Each structure stands twice: as C-alpha cells, then as structure tokens.
Full PDB file with SEQRES, HELIX, SHEET, SSBOND, CRYST1, ORIGX, SCALE, CONECT and MASTER records, all heavy atoms in Angstrom:
SEQRES   1 A   30  SER THR ALA TYR LYS ASN GLU ILE SER GLU GLN THR ALA          
SEQRES   2 A   30  ILE MET ASN ASN VAL MET THR VAL GLU CYS ASN GLU ASN          
SEQRES   3 A   30  GLU VAL ILE LEU                                              
HELIX    1 AA1 GLU A   10  THR A   12  5                                   3    
SHEET    1 AA1 2 ALA A   3  TYR A   4  0                                        
SHEET    2 AA1 2 ALA A  13  MET A  15 -1                                        
SHEET    1 AA2 2 GLU A  22  CYS A  23  0                                        
SHEET    2 AA2 2 VAL A  28  ILE A  29 -1                                        
CRYST1    1.000    1.000    1.000  90.00  90.00  90.00 P 1           1          
ORIGX1      1.000000  0.000000  0.000000        0.00000                         
ORIGX2      0.000000  1.000000  0.000000        0.00000                         
ORIGX3      0.000000  0.000000  1.000000        0.00000                         
SCALE1      1.000000  0.000000  0.000000        0.00000                         
SCALE2      0.000000  1.000000  0.000000        0.00000                         
SCALE3      0.000000  0.000000  1.000000        0.00000                         
ATOM      1  N   SER A   1     -54.090 151.995 -25.271  1.00  0.00           N  
ATOM      2  CA  SER A   1     -54.960 151.479 -26.312  1.00  0.00           C  
ATOM      3  C   SER A   1     -54.232 151.361 -27.635  1.00  0.00           C  
ATOM      4  O   SER A   1     -53.178 151.945 -27.837  1.00  0.00           O  
ATOM      5  CB  SER A   1     -56.164 152.415 -26.489  1.00  0.00           C  
ATOM      6  OG  SER A   1     -56.905 152.496 -25.298  1.00  0.00           O  
ATOM      7  N   THR A   2     -54.846 150.620 -28.543  1.00  0.00           N  
ATOM      8  CA  THR A   2     -54.405 150.566 -29.926  1.00  0.00           C  
ATOM      9  C   THR A   2     -55.411 151.349 -30.746  1.00  0.00           C  
ATOM     10  O   THR A   2     -56.626 151.188 -30.558  1.00  0.00           O  
ATOM     11  CB  THR A   2     -54.332 149.111 -30.428  1.00  0.00           C  
ATOM     12  OG1 THR A   2     -53.395 148.401 -29.613  1.00  0.00           O  
ATOM     13  CG2 THR A   2     -53.875 149.050 -31.880  1.00  0.00           C  
ATOM     14  N   ALA A   3     -54.922 152.205 -31.627  1.00  0.00           N  
ATOM     15  CA  ALA A   3     -55.798 153.009 -32.487  1.00  0.00           C  
ATOM     16  C   ALA A   3     -55.903 152.349 -33.856  1.00  0.00           C  
ATOM     17  O   ALA A   3     -54.903 151.878 -34.408  1.00  0.00           O  
ATOM     18  CB  ALA A   3     -55.247 154.420 -32.632  1.00  0.00           C  
ATOM     19  N   TYR A   4     -57.116 152.332 -34.379  1.00  0.00           N  
ATOM     20  CA  TYR A   4     -57.403 151.714 -35.672  1.00  0.00           C  
ATOM     21  C   TYR A   4     -58.104 152.708 -36.587  1.00  0.00           C  
ATOM     22  O   TYR A   4     -58.793 153.616 -36.113  1.00  0.00           O  
ATOM     23  CB  TYR A   4     -58.318 150.502 -35.505  1.00  0.00           C  
ATOM     24  CG  TYR A   4     -57.734 149.411 -34.654  1.00  0.00           C  
ATOM     25  CD1 TYR A   4     -57.972 149.361 -33.291  1.00  0.00           C  
ATOM     26  CD2 TYR A   4     -56.944 148.415 -35.218  1.00  0.00           C  
ATOM     27  CE1 TYR A   4     -57.448 148.351 -32.502  1.00  0.00           C  
ATOM     28  CE2 TYR A   4     -56.405 147.397 -34.439  1.00  0.00           C  
ATOM     29  CZ  TYR A   4     -56.667 147.376 -33.081  1.00  0.00           C  
ATOM     30  OH  TYR A   4     -56.133 146.374 -32.317  1.00  0.00           O  
ATOM     31  N   LYS A   5     -57.966 152.496 -37.884  1.00  0.00           N  
ATOM     32  CA  LYS A   5     -58.623 153.333 -38.885  1.00  0.00           C  
ATOM     33  C   LYS A   5     -59.874 152.606 -39.380  1.00  0.00           C  
ATOM     34  O   LYS A   5     -59.782 151.554 -39.999  1.00  0.00           O  
ATOM     35  CB  LYS A   5     -57.676 153.592 -40.052  1.00  0.00           C  
ATOM     36  CG  LYS A   5     -58.155 154.628 -41.027  1.00  0.00           C  
ATOM     37  CD  LYS A   5     -57.179 154.819 -42.166  1.00  0.00           C  
ATOM     38  CE  LYS A   5     -55.962 155.578 -41.686  1.00  0.00           C  
ATOM     39  NZ  LYS A   5     -55.071 155.967 -42.795  1.00  0.00           N  
ATOM     40  N   ASN A   6     -61.040 153.124 -39.059  1.00  0.00           N  
ATOM     41  CA  ASN A   6     -62.362 152.682 -39.518  1.00  0.00           C  
ATOM     42  C   ASN A   6     -62.858 151.357 -38.950  1.00  0.00           C  
ATOM     43  O   ASN A   6     -64.058 151.186 -38.787  1.00  0.00           O  
ATOM     44  CB  ASN A   6     -62.440 152.646 -41.049  1.00  0.00           C  
ATOM     45  CG  ASN A   6     -62.227 154.020 -41.658  1.00  0.00           C  
ATOM     46  OD1 ASN A   6     -62.741 155.010 -41.159  1.00  0.00           O  
ATOM     47  ND2 ASN A   6     -61.457 154.085 -42.718  1.00  0.00           N  
ATOM     48  N   GLU A   7     -61.994 150.399 -38.654  1.00  0.00           N  
ATOM     49  CA  GLU A   7     -62.416 149.112 -38.092  1.00  0.00           C  
ATOM     50  C   GLU A   7     -61.230 148.450 -37.392  1.00  0.00           C  
ATOM     51  O   GLU A   7     -60.085 148.805 -37.647  1.00  0.00           O  
ATOM     52  CB  GLU A   7     -62.951 148.186 -39.177  1.00  0.00           C  
ATOM     53  CG  GLU A   7     -61.897 147.794 -40.189  1.00  0.00           C  
ATOM     54  CD  GLU A   7     -62.433 146.887 -41.284  1.00  0.00           C  
ATOM     55  OE1 GLU A   7     -63.648 146.615 -41.321  1.00  0.00           O  
ATOM     56  OE2 GLU A   7     -61.630 146.443 -42.111  1.00  0.00           O  
ATOM     57  N   ILE A   8     -61.527 147.482 -36.551  1.00  0.00           N  
ATOM     58  CA  ILE A   8     -60.471 146.780 -35.824  1.00  0.00           C  
ATOM     59  C   ILE A   8     -59.969 145.613 -36.664  1.00  0.00           C  
ATOM     60  O   ILE A   8     -60.720 144.668 -36.936  1.00  0.00           O  
ATOM     61  CB  ILE A   8     -60.972 146.280 -34.464  1.00  0.00           C  
ATOM     62  CG1 ILE A   8     -61.365 147.456 -33.574  1.00  0.00           C  
ATOM     63  CG2 ILE A   8     -59.906 145.434 -33.783  1.00  0.00           C  
ATOM     64  CD1 ILE A   8     -61.981 147.061 -32.258  1.00  0.00           C  
ATOM     65  N   SER A   9     -58.725 145.707 -37.099  1.00  0.00           N  
ATOM     66  CA  SER A   9     -58.038 144.606 -37.777  1.00  0.00           C  
ATOM     67  C   SER A   9     -56.541 144.901 -37.759  1.00  0.00           C  
ATOM     68  O   SER A   9     -56.131 146.044 -37.544  1.00  0.00           O  
ATOM     69  CB  SER A   9     -58.533 144.416 -39.210  1.00  0.00           C  
ATOM     70  OG  SER A   9     -58.026 145.421 -40.054  1.00  0.00           O  
ATOM     71  N   GLU A  10     -55.734 143.886 -37.977  1.00  0.00           N  
ATOM     72  CA  GLU A  10     -54.281 144.098 -38.007  1.00  0.00           C  
ATOM     73  C   GLU A  10     -53.884 145.083 -39.091  1.00  0.00           C  
ATOM     74  O   GLU A  10     -52.953 145.868 -38.922  1.00  0.00           O  
ATOM     75  CB  GLU A  10     -53.556 142.771 -38.243  1.00  0.00           C  
ATOM     76  CG  GLU A  10     -53.408 141.921 -37.011  1.00  0.00           C  
ATOM     77  CD  GLU A  10     -52.519 140.713 -37.274  1.00  0.00           C  
ATOM     78  OE1 GLU A  10     -51.539 140.835 -38.032  1.00  0.00           O  
ATOM     79  OE2 GLU A  10     -52.829 139.656 -36.707  1.00  0.00           O  
ATOM     80  N   GLN A  11     -54.576 145.043 -40.215  1.00  0.00           N  
ATOM     81  CA  GLN A  11     -54.235 145.897 -41.353  1.00  0.00           C  
ATOM     82  C   GLN A  11     -54.593 147.367 -41.132  1.00  0.00           C  
ATOM     83  O   GLN A  11     -54.033 148.240 -41.792  1.00  0.00           O  
ATOM     84  CB  GLN A  11     -54.947 145.405 -42.631  1.00  0.00           C  
ATOM     85  CG  GLN A  11     -54.499 144.043 -43.099  1.00  0.00           C  
ATOM     86  CD  GLN A  11     -55.121 142.898 -42.305  1.00  0.00           C  
ATOM     87  OE1 GLN A  11     -56.141 143.049 -41.655  1.00  0.00           O  
ATOM     88  NE2 GLN A  11     -54.472 141.740 -42.342  1.00  0.00           N  
ATOM     89  N   THR A  12     -55.515 147.650 -40.218  1.00  0.00           N  
ATOM     90  CA  THR A  12     -55.948 149.035 -40.016  1.00  0.00           C  
ATOM     91  C   THR A  12     -55.358 149.672 -38.759  1.00  0.00           C  
ATOM     92  O   THR A  12     -55.716 150.801 -38.417  1.00  0.00           O  
ATOM     93  CB  THR A  12     -57.482 149.120 -39.955  1.00  0.00           C  
ATOM     94  OG1 THR A  12     -57.944 148.340 -38.847  1.00  0.00           O  
ATOM     95  CG2 THR A  12     -58.113 148.630 -41.249  1.00  0.00           C  
ATOM     96  N   ALA A  13     -54.461 148.960 -38.057  1.00  0.00           N  
ATOM     97  CA  ALA A  13     -53.848 149.519 -36.847  1.00  0.00           C  
ATOM     98  C   ALA A  13     -52.977 150.718 -37.210  1.00  0.00           C  
ATOM     99  O   ALA A  13     -52.200 150.677 -38.155  1.00  0.00           O  
ATOM    100  CB  ALA A  13     -53.016 148.460 -36.141  1.00  0.00           C  
ATOM    101  N   ILE A  14     -53.150 151.801 -36.470  1.00  0.00           N  
ATOM    102  CA  ILE A  14     -52.401 153.038 -36.705  1.00  0.00           C  
ATOM    103  C   ILE A  14     -51.269 153.193 -35.693  1.00  0.00           C  
ATOM    104  O   ILE A  14     -50.146 153.521 -36.048  1.00  0.00           O  
ATOM    105  CB  ILE A  14     -53.335 154.272 -36.595  1.00  0.00           C  
ATOM    106  CG1 ILE A  14     -54.460 154.188 -37.614  1.00  0.00           C  
ATOM    107  CG2 ILE A  14     -52.550 155.559 -36.769  1.00  0.00           C  
ATOM    108  CD1 ILE A  14     -55.545 155.209 -37.387  1.00  0.00           C  
ATOM    109  N   MET A  15     -51.581 152.967 -34.414  1.00  0.00           N  
ATOM    110  CA  MET A  15     -50.595 153.174 -33.359  1.00  0.00           C  
ATOM    111  C   MET A  15     -50.933 152.311 -32.156  1.00  0.00           C  
ATOM    112  O   MET A  15     -52.110 152.171 -31.806  1.00  0.00           O  
ATOM    113  CB  MET A  15     -50.575 154.658 -32.956  1.00  0.00           C  
ATOM    114  CG  MET A  15     -49.593 155.012 -31.866  1.00  0.00           C  
ATOM    115  SD  MET A  15     -49.605 156.773 -31.444  1.00  0.00           S  
ATOM    116  CE  MET A  15     -48.321 157.367 -32.526  1.00  0.00           C  
ATOM    117  N   ASN A  16     -49.912 151.752 -31.537  1.00  0.00           N  
ATOM    118  CA  ASN A  16     -50.057 150.973 -30.307  1.00  0.00           C  
ATOM    119  C   ASN A  16     -49.672 151.829 -29.111  1.00  0.00           C  
ATOM    120  O   ASN A  16     -49.015 152.852 -29.256  1.00  0.00           O  
ATOM    121  CB  ASN A  16     -49.153 149.737 -30.343  1.00  0.00           C  
ATOM    122  CG  ASN A  16     -49.568 148.769 -31.410  1.00  0.00           C  
ATOM    123  OD1 ASN A  16     -50.740 148.482 -31.587  1.00  0.00           O  
ATOM    124  ND2 ASN A  16     -48.603 148.261 -32.151  1.00  0.00           N  
ATOM    125  N   ASN A  17     -50.053 151.380 -27.930  1.00  0.00           N  
ATOM    126  CA  ASN A  17     -49.701 152.043 -26.667  1.00  0.00           C  
ATOM    127  C   ASN A  17     -50.124 153.513 -26.630  1.00  0.00           C  
ATOM    128  O   ASN A  17     -49.406 154.363 -26.106  1.00  0.00           O  
ATOM    129  CB  ASN A  17     -48.208 151.909 -26.382  1.00  0.00           C  
ATOM    130  CG  ASN A  17     -47.781 150.470 -26.255  1.00  0.00           C  
ATOM    131  OD1 ASN A  17     -48.466 149.672 -25.621  1.00  0.00           O  
ATOM    132  ND2 ASN A  17     -46.670 150.118 -26.866  1.00  0.00           N  
ATOM    133  N   VAL A  18     -51.298 153.809 -27.177  1.00  0.00           N  
ATOM    134  CA  VAL A  18     -51.819 155.182 -27.180  1.00  0.00           C  
ATOM    135  C   VAL A  18     -52.225 155.546 -25.761  1.00  0.00           C  
ATOM    136  O   VAL A  18     -52.963 154.824 -25.104  1.00  0.00           O  
ATOM    137  CB  VAL A  18     -53.025 155.308 -28.137  1.00  0.00           C  
ATOM    138  CG1 VAL A  18     -53.655 156.685 -28.032  1.00  0.00           C  
ATOM    139  CG2 VAL A  18     -52.599 155.017 -29.563  1.00  0.00           C  
ATOM    140  N   MET A  19     -51.704 156.702 -25.303  1.00  0.00           N  
ATOM    141  CA  MET A  19     -52.065 157.143 -23.956  1.00  0.00           C  
ATOM    142  C   MET A  19     -52.929 158.400 -23.970  1.00  0.00           C  
ATOM    143  O   MET A  19     -53.656 158.650 -23.020  1.00  0.00           O  
ATOM    144  CB  MET A  19     -50.830 157.360 -23.090  1.00  0.00           C  
ATOM    145  CG  MET A  19     -49.926 158.440 -23.534  1.00  0.00           C  
ATOM    146  SD  MET A  19     -48.592 158.639 -22.321  1.00  0.00           S  
ATOM    147  CE  MET A  19     -47.942 160.202 -22.860  1.00  0.00           C  
ATOM    148  N   THR A  20     -52.870 159.205 -25.053  1.00  0.00           N  
ATOM    149  CA  THR A  20     -53.759 160.361 -25.143  1.00  0.00           C  
ATOM    150  C   THR A  20     -54.340 160.476 -26.546  1.00  0.00           C  
ATOM    151  O   THR A  20     -53.697 160.118 -27.535  1.00  0.00           O  
ATOM    152  CB  THR A  20     -53.067 161.704 -24.809  1.00  0.00           C  
ATOM    153  OG1 THR A  20     -52.050 161.961 -25.762  1.00  0.00           O  
ATOM    154  CG2 THR A  20     -52.477 161.703 -23.416  1.00  0.00           C  
ATOM    155  N   VAL A  21     -55.580 160.976 -26.581  1.00  0.00           N  
ATOM    156  CA  VAL A  21     -56.286 161.219 -27.836  1.00  0.00           C  
ATOM    157  C   VAL A  21     -56.837 162.630 -27.760  1.00  0.00           C  
ATOM    158  O   VAL A  21     -57.587 162.962 -26.837  1.00  0.00           O  
ATOM    159  CB  VAL A  21     -57.450 160.215 -28.033  1.00  0.00           C  
ATOM    160  CG1 VAL A  21     -58.198 160.506 -29.313  1.00  0.00           C  
ATOM    161  CG2 VAL A  21     -56.942 158.787 -28.006  1.00  0.00           C  
ATOM    162  N   GLU A  22     -56.451 163.471 -28.714  1.00  0.00           N  
ATOM    163  CA  GLU A  22     -56.942 164.849 -28.776  1.00  0.00           C  
ATOM    164  C   GLU A  22     -57.715 165.018 -30.078  1.00  0.00           C  
ATOM    165  O   GLU A  22     -57.227 164.652 -31.144  1.00  0.00           O  
ATOM    166  CB  GLU A  22     -55.786 165.838 -28.763  1.00  0.00           C  
ATOM    167  CG  GLU A  22     -54.957 165.793 -27.502  1.00  0.00           C  
ATOM    168  CD  GLU A  22     -53.758 166.714 -27.607  1.00  0.00           C  
ATOM    169  OE1 GLU A  22     -53.949 167.925 -27.812  1.00  0.00           O  
ATOM    170  OE2 GLU A  22     -52.635 166.196 -27.516  1.00  0.00           O  
ATOM    171  N   CYS A  23     -58.921 165.571 -29.985  1.00  0.00           N  
ATOM    172  CA  CYS A  23     -59.750 165.784 -31.167  1.00  0.00           C  
ATOM    173  C   CYS A  23     -59.844 167.272 -31.453  1.00  0.00           C  
ATOM    174  O   CYS A  23     -60.240 168.063 -30.587  1.00  0.00           O  
ATOM    175  CB  CYS A  23     -61.139 165.215 -30.943  1.00  0.00           C  
ATOM    176  SG  CYS A  23     -61.162 163.446 -30.651  1.00  0.00           S  
ATOM    177  N   ASN A  24     -59.464 167.649 -32.672  1.00  0.00           N  
ATOM    178  CA  ASN A  24     -59.632 169.008 -33.155  1.00  0.00           C  
ATOM    179  C   ASN A  24     -60.727 168.980 -34.213  1.00  0.00           C  
ATOM    180  O   ASN A  24     -61.390 167.966 -34.393  1.00  0.00           O  
ATOM    181  CB  ASN A  24     -58.318 169.551 -33.722  1.00  0.00           C  
ATOM    182  CG  ASN A  24     -57.277 169.763 -32.632  1.00  0.00           C  
ATOM    183  OD1 ASN A  24     -57.602 170.107 -31.516  1.00  0.00           O  
ATOM    184  ND2 ASN A  24     -56.030 169.518 -32.961  1.00  0.00           N  
ATOM    185  N   GLU A  25     -60.899 170.057 -34.959  1.00  0.00           N  
ATOM    186  CA  GLU A  25     -62.006 170.148 -35.911  1.00  0.00           C  
ATOM    187  C   GLU A  25     -62.062 168.967 -36.876  1.00  0.00           C  
ATOM    188  O   GLU A  25     -63.066 168.282 -36.954  1.00  0.00           O  
ATOM    189  CB  GLU A  25     -61.939 171.459 -36.667  1.00  0.00           C  
ATOM    190  CG  GLU A  25     -62.276 172.643 -35.792  1.00  0.00           C  
ATOM    191  CD  GLU A  25     -62.292 173.937 -36.552  1.00  0.00           C  
ATOM    192  OE1 GLU A  25     -62.516 173.915 -37.772  1.00  0.00           O  
ATOM    193  OE2 GLU A  25     -62.077 174.968 -35.915  1.00  0.00           O  
ATOM    194  N   ASN A  26     -61.013 168.720 -37.615  1.00  0.00           N  
ATOM    195  CA  ASN A  26     -61.020 167.655 -38.616  1.00  0.00           C  
ATOM    196  C   ASN A  26     -59.838 166.711 -38.467  1.00  0.00           C  
ATOM    197  O   ASN A  26     -59.437 166.079 -39.435  1.00  0.00           O  
ATOM    198  CB  ASN A  26     -61.029 168.238 -40.036  1.00  0.00           C  
ATOM    199  CG  ASN A  26     -62.322 168.949 -40.350  1.00  0.00           C  
ATOM    200  OD1 ASN A  26     -63.384 168.503 -39.957  1.00  0.00           O  
ATOM    201  ND2 ASN A  26     -62.234 170.054 -41.046  1.00  0.00           N  
ATOM    202  N   GLU A  27     -59.293 166.620 -37.268  1.00  0.00           N  
ATOM    203  CA  GLU A  27     -58.154 165.738 -37.073  1.00  0.00           C  
ATOM    204  C   GLU A  27     -58.120 165.210 -35.651  1.00  0.00           C  
ATOM    205  O   GLU A  27     -58.699 165.784 -34.740  1.00  0.00           O  
ATOM    206  CB  GLU A  27     -56.835 166.443 -37.403  1.00  0.00           C  
ATOM    207  CG  GLU A  27     -56.481 167.577 -36.482  1.00  0.00           C  
ATOM    208  CD  GLU A  27     -55.196 168.296 -36.867  1.00  0.00           C  
ATOM    209  OE1 GLU A  27     -54.715 168.110 -37.993  1.00  0.00           O  
ATOM    210  OE2 GLU A  27     -54.691 169.034 -36.029  1.00  0.00           O  
ATOM    211  N   VAL A  28     -57.461 164.069 -35.523  1.00  0.00           N  
ATOM    212  CA  VAL A  28     -57.276 163.441 -34.221  1.00  0.00           C  
ATOM    213  C   VAL A  28     -55.773 163.271 -34.025  1.00  0.00           C  
ATOM    214  O   VAL A  28     -55.072 162.777 -34.914  1.00  0.00           O  
ATOM    215  CB  VAL A  28     -57.980 162.072 -34.163  1.00  0.00           C  
ATOM    216  CG1 VAL A  28     -57.757 161.417 -32.811  1.00  0.00           C  
ATOM    217  CG2 VAL A  28     -59.466 162.221 -34.450  1.00  0.00           C  
ATOM    218  N   ILE A  29     -55.277 163.700 -32.867  1.00  0.00           N  
ATOM    219  CA  ILE A  29     -53.857 163.594 -32.558  1.00  0.00           C  
ATOM    220  C   ILE A  29     -53.696 162.523 -31.487  1.00  0.00           C  
ATOM    221  O   ILE A  29     -54.258 162.621 -30.398  1.00  0.00           O  
ATOM    222  CB  ILE A  29     -53.287 164.939 -32.071  1.00  0.00           C  
ATOM    223  CG1 ILE A  29     -53.514 166.015 -33.128  1.00  0.00           C  
ATOM    224  CG2 ILE A  29     -51.809 164.802 -31.732  1.00  0.00           C  
ATOM    225  CD1 ILE A  29     -53.302 167.427 -32.635  1.00  0.00           C  
ATOM    226  N   LEU A  30     -52.932 161.492 -31.841  1.00  0.00           N  
ATOM    227  CA  LEU A  30     -52.651 160.386 -30.928  1.00  0.00           C  
ATOM    228  C   LEU A  30     -51.246 160.543 -30.385  1.00  0.00           C  
ATOM    229  O   LEU A  30     -50.332 160.909 -31.118  1.00  0.00           O  
ATOM    230  CB  LEU A  30     -52.746 159.055 -31.677  1.00  0.00           C  
ATOM    231  CG  LEU A  30     -54.031 158.785 -32.449  1.00  0.00           C  
ATOM    232  CD1 LEU A  30     -53.848 157.590 -33.358  1.00  0.00           C  
ATOM    233  CD2 LEU A  30     -55.186 158.587 -31.489  1.00  0.00           C  
TER     234      LEU A  30                                                      
MASTER        0    0    0    1    4    0    0    6  233    1    0    3          
END                                                                             
C-alpha cells in the first residue's frame, strides 16, 4: 500500500510499498 497523511493526494504521500502498519498509543509505524 501507499500511506498518506490525512487524505489521498500526491502531496500527502508518506511512504510507498508499505507492507506492515503498527499502531501504538499516539503513533503509527510503517
């Protein structure tokens, strides 16, 4: 997957080829 910040757009893309997503209290680790 591609990870985005707040909405899907080229400008908000954070990381491509994401294979794992880990959620902690106040953070997400891609």
